[in-house]
Amino acid sequence: MNNYPFCPISYKKIDDNVARWNGFFTVLFLLLYLFTSSLLPVVFLILDFLARSLEKPSWSLFARISKGIVNGLKVKPKLINAGPKLFAARIGLFFSVTILITSLSGWTITSLVLAIVFGSFAFLEAGFGFCVACKVYPFLYKLTYQKPIDKVNFNSDFHI
């Protein structure tokens, strides 16, 4: 039995340095939201995460700026599998949309708590290269997609 965690494998690679800069900009925009209560940074985050969730990094201002910074600093690329980061971008989109909805609904405390949690996740990515969504994915996959072995239909006439 394979006990290794499942991860969304992709043939695409991305530079982890760029992902970390994306996390840094996410933290900045969430701080801007927290200190100003303006929804514009959240709307921008939604659009940026939507672009990355659709696998269109060229549409993402954060990704373009991050790539420019990494290239300008002449940092050696650290290529990693893009699959977990795609999942993380979709989680970022979910958080951003949820923050917007809760804020517009007048649930200020809820939106602030979500922004703090999301900002903490982005800080871990930016500062330490620790992707919380990438670590959560195997558990989510196990809960939603895998069936217990006794429920799997093997389409066989052989019975023990």
Protein backbone atom coordinates (compact mmCIF):
# COMPACT_ATOMS: atom_id res chain seq x y z
CA MET A 1 0.00 0.00 0.00
CA ASN A 2 1.28 3.45 -0.90
CA ASN A 3 1.42 5.65 2.20
CA TYR A 4 2.96 8.64 0.47
CA PRO A 5 0.82 11.78 0.46
CA PHE A 6 -1.03 12.44 -2.74
CA CYS A 7 -0.27 15.73 -4.40
CA PRO A 8 -1.72 17.22 -7.56
CA ILE A 9 0.99 16.23 -9.99
CA SER A 10 1.47 18.47 -12.97
CA TYR A 11 3.93 18.39 -15.81
CA LYS A 12 4.26 22.15 -15.45
CA LYS A 13 6.97 23.67 -13.29
CA ILE A 14 7.08 27.05 -11.61
CA ASP A 15 9.82 28.97 -9.85
CA ASP A 16 9.34 28.72 -6.09
CA ASN A 17 11.00 32.14 -5.72
CA VAL A 18 8.20 33.69 -7.78
CA ALA A 19 5.58 31.91 -5.64
CA ARG A 20 7.17 33.29 -2.49
CA TRP A 21 7.11 36.85 -3.87
CA ASN A 22 3.43 36.30 -4.79
CA GLY A 23 2.87 35.41 -1.13
CA PHE A 24 4.63 38.60 -0.07
CA PHE A 25 2.36 40.75 -2.26
CA THR A 26 -0.68 38.89 -0.95
CA VAL A 27 0.37 39.76 2.61
CA LEU A 28 0.80 43.42 1.63
CA PHE A 29 -2.66 43.61 0.05
CA LEU A 30 -4.30 41.87 3.01
CA LEU A 31 -2.59 44.30 5.37
CA LEU A 32 -3.86 47.15 3.21
CA TYR A 33 -7.38 45.74 3.54
CA LEU A 34 -7.03 45.26 7.31
CA PHE A 35 -5.76 48.79 7.92
CA THR A 36 -8.02 50.67 5.51
CA SER A 37 -11.18 48.49 5.33
CA SER A 38 -11.16 49.20 1.60
CA LEU A 39 -12.42 46.33 -0.49
CA LEU A 40 -10.27 47.30 -3.49
CA PRO A 41 -7.28 45.21 -2.34
CA VAL A 42 -9.60 42.21 -1.88
CA VAL A 43 -11.11 42.68 -5.34
CA PHE A 44 -7.59 42.87 -6.76
CA LEU A 45 -6.66 39.65 -4.92
CA ILE A 46 -9.72 37.95 -6.40
CA LEU A 47 -8.71 38.94 -9.92
CA ASP A 48 -5.09 37.97 -9.38
CA PHE A 49 -5.90 34.58 -7.83
CA LEU A 50 -8.48 33.97 -10.56
CA ALA A 51 -5.79 34.47 -13.20
CA ARG A 52 -3.45 32.05 -11.47
CA SER A 53 -6.28 29.57 -10.79
CA LEU A 54 -7.03 29.51 -14.49
CA GLU A 55 -3.35 28.80 -15.16
CA LYS A 56 -2.88 32.19 -16.82
CA PRO A 57 0.05 33.66 -14.87
CA SER A 58 0.61 36.22 -17.62
CA TRP A 59 -2.73 37.76 -16.54
CA SER A 60 -1.56 38.00 -12.91
CA LEU A 61 0.07 41.30 -12.00
CA PHE A 62 1.62 39.71 -8.91
CA ALA A 63 3.17 36.90 -10.96
CA ARG A 64 4.53 39.34 -13.53
CA ILE A 65 6.03 41.66 -10.91
CA SER A 66 7.40 38.72 -8.90
CA LYS A 67 9.02 37.23 -11.98
CA GLY A 68 10.53 40.63 -12.81
CA ILE A 69 11.98 40.95 -9.30
CA VAL A 70 13.45 37.44 -9.39
CA ASN A 71 14.95 38.06 -12.83
CA GLY A 72 16.24 41.49 -11.79
CA LEU A 73 17.93 40.07 -8.71
CA LYS A 74 19.35 37.26 -10.87
CA VAL A 75 18.16 34.65 -8.38
CA LYS A 76 18.77 31.10 -9.57
CA PRO A 77 15.37 29.52 -10.39
CA LYS A 78 14.13 26.83 -8.01
CA LEU A 79 11.69 24.89 -10.18
CA ILE A 80 8.95 22.99 -8.39
CA ASN A 81 5.80 21.17 -9.44
CA ALA A 82 3.06 23.64 -10.34
CA GLY A 83 0.19 21.38 -9.25
CA PRO A 84 0.25 22.14 -5.51
CA LYS A 85 0.64 25.86 -6.20
CA LEU A 86 -2.37 25.75 -8.54
CA PHE A 87 -4.42 24.21 -5.74
CA ALA A 88 -3.08 26.89 -3.37
CA ALA A 89 -4.10 29.63 -5.83
CA ARG A 90 -7.63 28.21 -5.87
CA ILE A 91 -7.69 28.23 -2.07
CA GLY A 92 -6.48 31.86 -2.22
CA LEU A 93 -9.32 32.66 -4.60
CA PHE A 94 -11.79 31.00 -2.22
CA PHE A 95 -10.46 33.00 0.75
CA SER A 96 -10.53 36.26 -1.21
CA VAL A 97 -14.10 35.75 -2.42
CA THR A 98 -15.21 34.73 1.07
CA ILE A 99 -13.59 37.82 2.59
CA LEU A 100 -15.41 40.01 0.06
CA ILE A 101 -18.78 38.32 0.64
CA THR A 102 -18.53 38.43 4.44
CA SER A 103 -17.42 42.05 4.35
CA LEU A 104 -20.28 43.07 2.04
CA SER A 105 -22.71 41.13 4.24
CA GLY A 106 -21.69 43.19 7.26
CA TRP A 107 -19.89 40.31 8.96
CA THR A 108 -16.88 42.49 9.68
CA ILE A 109 -15.34 40.32 12.39
CA THR A 110 -15.62 37.21 10.20
CA SER A 111 -14.01 38.95 7.24
CA LEU A 112 -11.19 40.26 9.45
CA VAL A 113 -10.54 36.82 10.95
CA LEU A 114 -10.48 35.28 7.46
CA ALA A 115 -8.07 37.97 6.27
CA ILE A 116 -5.78 37.34 9.25
CA VAL A 117 -5.81 33.57 8.70
CA PHE A 118 -5.24 33.99 4.96
CA GLY A 119 -2.51 36.55 5.61
CA SER A 120 -0.82 34.14 8.02
CA PHE A 121 -0.82 31.45 5.32
CA ALA A 122 0.61 33.89 2.78
CA PHE A 123 3.25 34.99 5.31
CA LEU A 124 4.34 31.38 5.83
CA GLU A 125 4.70 31.02 2.05
CA ALA A 126 6.58 34.29 1.62
CA GLY A 127 8.85 34.02 4.63
CA PHE A 128 9.52 30.32 4.93
CA GLY A 129 8.39 28.70 1.68
CA PHE A 130 5.77 26.73 3.64
CA CYS A 131 2.60 26.25 1.59
CA VAL A 132 -0.27 25.44 3.96
CA ALA A 133 -2.71 24.62 1.13
CA CYS A 134 -0.16 22.22 -0.36
CA LYS A 135 0.01 20.41 2.99
CA VAL A 136 -3.79 20.34 3.42
CA TYR A 137 -4.47 18.96 -0.05
CA PRO A 138 -3.67 15.27 0.70
CA PHE A 139 -6.17 15.27 3.58
CA LEU A 140 -8.83 16.97 1.49
CA TYR A 141 -8.25 14.49 -1.30
CA LYS A 142 -8.56 11.57 1.09
CA LEU A 143 -11.83 12.91 2.52
CA THR A 144 -13.47 13.72 -0.80
CA TYR A 145 -12.17 11.35 -3.46
CA GLN A 146 -10.88 8.12 -1.99
CA LYS A 147 -13.29 5.33 -1.16
CA PRO A 148 -12.61 2.81 1.58
CA ILE A 149 -11.21 -0.38 0.10
CA ASP A 150 -14.31 -2.38 1.08
CA LYS A 151 -16.50 0.00 -1.00
CA VAL A 152 -14.45 -0.23 -4.19
CA ASN A 153 -16.06 -2.19 -7.03
CA PHE A 154 -13.30 -4.19 -8.69
CA ASN A 155 -15.68 -5.62 -11.35
CA SER A 156 -14.60 -9.16 -10.68
CA ASP A 157 -16.46 -12.43 -10.18
CA PHE A 158 -13.73 -13.64 -7.85
CA HIS A 159 -14.75 -13.55 -4.18
CA ILE A 160 -12.84 -14.68 -1.13
